């Protein structure tokens, strides 16, 4: 049996401009959100939340992989999530078009 995993206290370390996406003839910017999340194989598709205010959690991306960044101290592996305006537009589109 599988159980949901939650990790708290994750800080966004970097955000990189991603490729634009087109949805319903409108173009949206995407962002790669990089963090120190402890992710494992099979975590793709898991949401990355941020809190804006005490009781206001918002999904800011969806886990999509890892990236190796070079630093003066050596390489570090960062967790990556797909986010940005493109993520928000896709969620809104899915909610409006999902057959319930």
Protein backbone atom coordinates (compact mmCIF):
# COMPACT_ATOMS: atom_id res chain seq x y z
CA UNK A 1 0.00 0.00 0.00
CA UNK A 2 1.21 3.50 -0.85
CA UNK A 3 0.90 6.58 1.32
CA UNK A 4 1.12 10.25 0.38
CA UNK A 5 4.37 11.97 1.18
CA UNK A 6 4.64 15.58 2.35
CA UNK A 7 7.76 17.65 2.90
CA UNK A 8 7.62 21.02 4.64
CA UNK A 9 10.06 23.92 4.71
CA UNK A 10 11.15 23.72 1.06
CA UNK A 11 12.60 26.98 -0.27
CA UNK A 12 12.64 27.93 -3.92
CA UNK A 13 16.32 28.31 -4.86
CA UNK A 14 16.01 29.57 -8.43
CA UNK A 15 13.55 30.04 -11.24
CA UNK A 16 14.42 29.84 -14.92
CA UNK A 17 12.38 31.07 -17.86
CA UNK A 18 10.94 28.11 -19.74
CA UNK A 19 9.49 27.62 -23.19
CA UNK A 20 6.24 29.40 -23.99
CA UNK A 21 3.13 27.27 -24.49
CA UNK A 22 0.07 27.97 -26.61
CA UNK A 23 -3.38 27.14 -25.26
CA UNK A 24 -6.61 28.14 -27.03
CA UNK A 25 -4.66 30.53 -29.31
CA UNK A 26 -3.08 32.39 -26.38
CA UNK A 27 0.62 32.18 -25.52
CA UNK A 28 1.73 31.77 -21.89
CA UNK A 29 5.17 31.95 -20.29
CA UNK A 30 6.41 28.98 -18.28
CA UNK A 31 8.90 28.85 -15.42
CA UNK A 32 11.16 26.10 -14.09
CA UNK A 33 10.99 26.33 -10.29
CA UNK A 34 14.11 24.88 -8.62
CA UNK A 35 14.23 23.79 -4.97
CA UNK A 36 15.92 21.45 -2.50
CA UNK A 37 12.87 19.19 -2.32
CA UNK A 38 13.72 15.61 -1.45
CA UNK A 39 12.26 13.88 -4.48
CA UNK A 40 12.56 10.31 -5.56
CA UNK A 41 11.98 8.43 -8.77
CA UNK A 42 8.28 8.40 -9.49
CA UNK A 43 7.62 11.84 -7.96
CA UNK A 44 6.85 13.41 -11.34
CA UNK A 45 3.43 15.02 -11.35
CA UNK A 46 3.43 15.74 -7.61
CA UNK A 47 2.34 19.30 -6.76
CA UNK A 48 4.68 21.91 -5.27
CA UNK A 49 2.78 24.25 -2.94
CA UNK A 50 3.64 27.66 -1.49
CA UNK A 51 1.84 29.49 1.28
CA UNK A 52 0.88 33.11 0.65
CA UNK A 53 -0.46 34.08 4.03
CA UNK A 54 -1.23 31.78 6.92
CA UNK A 55 -4.13 29.80 5.43
CA UNK A 56 -3.60 30.23 1.71
CA UNK A 57 -1.71 27.29 0.13
CA UNK A 58 -1.36 27.59 -3.65
CA UNK A 59 0.06 25.11 -6.14
CA UNK A 60 2.99 26.84 -7.86
CA UNK A 61 4.17 23.95 -9.98
CA UNK A 62 4.27 20.25 -10.64
CA UNK A 63 7.40 18.14 -10.09
CA UNK A 64 9.06 17.35 -13.40
CA UNK A 65 12.61 16.18 -12.67
CA UNK A 66 16.01 17.30 -11.44
CA UNK A 67 18.82 19.50 -12.69
CA UNK A 68 22.53 19.65 -11.91
CA UNK A 69 23.76 23.20 -11.24
CA UNK A 70 27.44 24.02 -10.99
CA UNK A 71 28.57 26.18 -8.09
CA UNK A 72 31.97 27.31 -6.81
CA UNK A 73 31.73 24.45 -4.27
CA UNK A 74 30.88 21.81 -6.89
CA UNK A 75 27.76 20.44 -8.49
CA UNK A 76 24.43 20.31 -6.70
CA UNK A 77 21.25 18.53 -7.73
CA UNK A 78 18.09 20.61 -7.55
CA UNK A 79 14.50 19.41 -7.80
CA UNK A 80 12.58 21.03 -10.66
CA UNK A 81 8.89 21.84 -10.98
CA UNK A 82 7.07 23.19 -14.04
CA UNK A 83 5.29 26.41 -13.11
CA UNK A 84 4.60 29.97 -14.18
CA UNK A 85 1.71 31.51 -16.09
CA UNK A 86 1.57 28.45 -18.36
CA UNK A 87 0.98 26.19 -15.35
CA UNK A 88 -1.83 28.42 -14.08
CA UNK A 89 -3.46 28.59 -17.54
CA UNK A 90 -3.28 24.82 -17.96
CA UNK A 91 -4.91 24.20 -14.56
CA UNK A 92 -7.70 26.67 -15.37
CA UNK A 93 -8.22 25.05 -18.79
CA UNK A 94 -8.36 21.56 -17.25
CA UNK A 95 -10.89 22.64 -14.62
CA UNK A 96 -13.11 24.22 -17.28
CA UNK A 97 -12.90 21.28 -19.70
CA UNK A 98 -12.72 18.22 -17.43
CA UNK A 99 -15.71 15.91 -17.69
CA UNK A 100 -17.01 15.36 -14.19
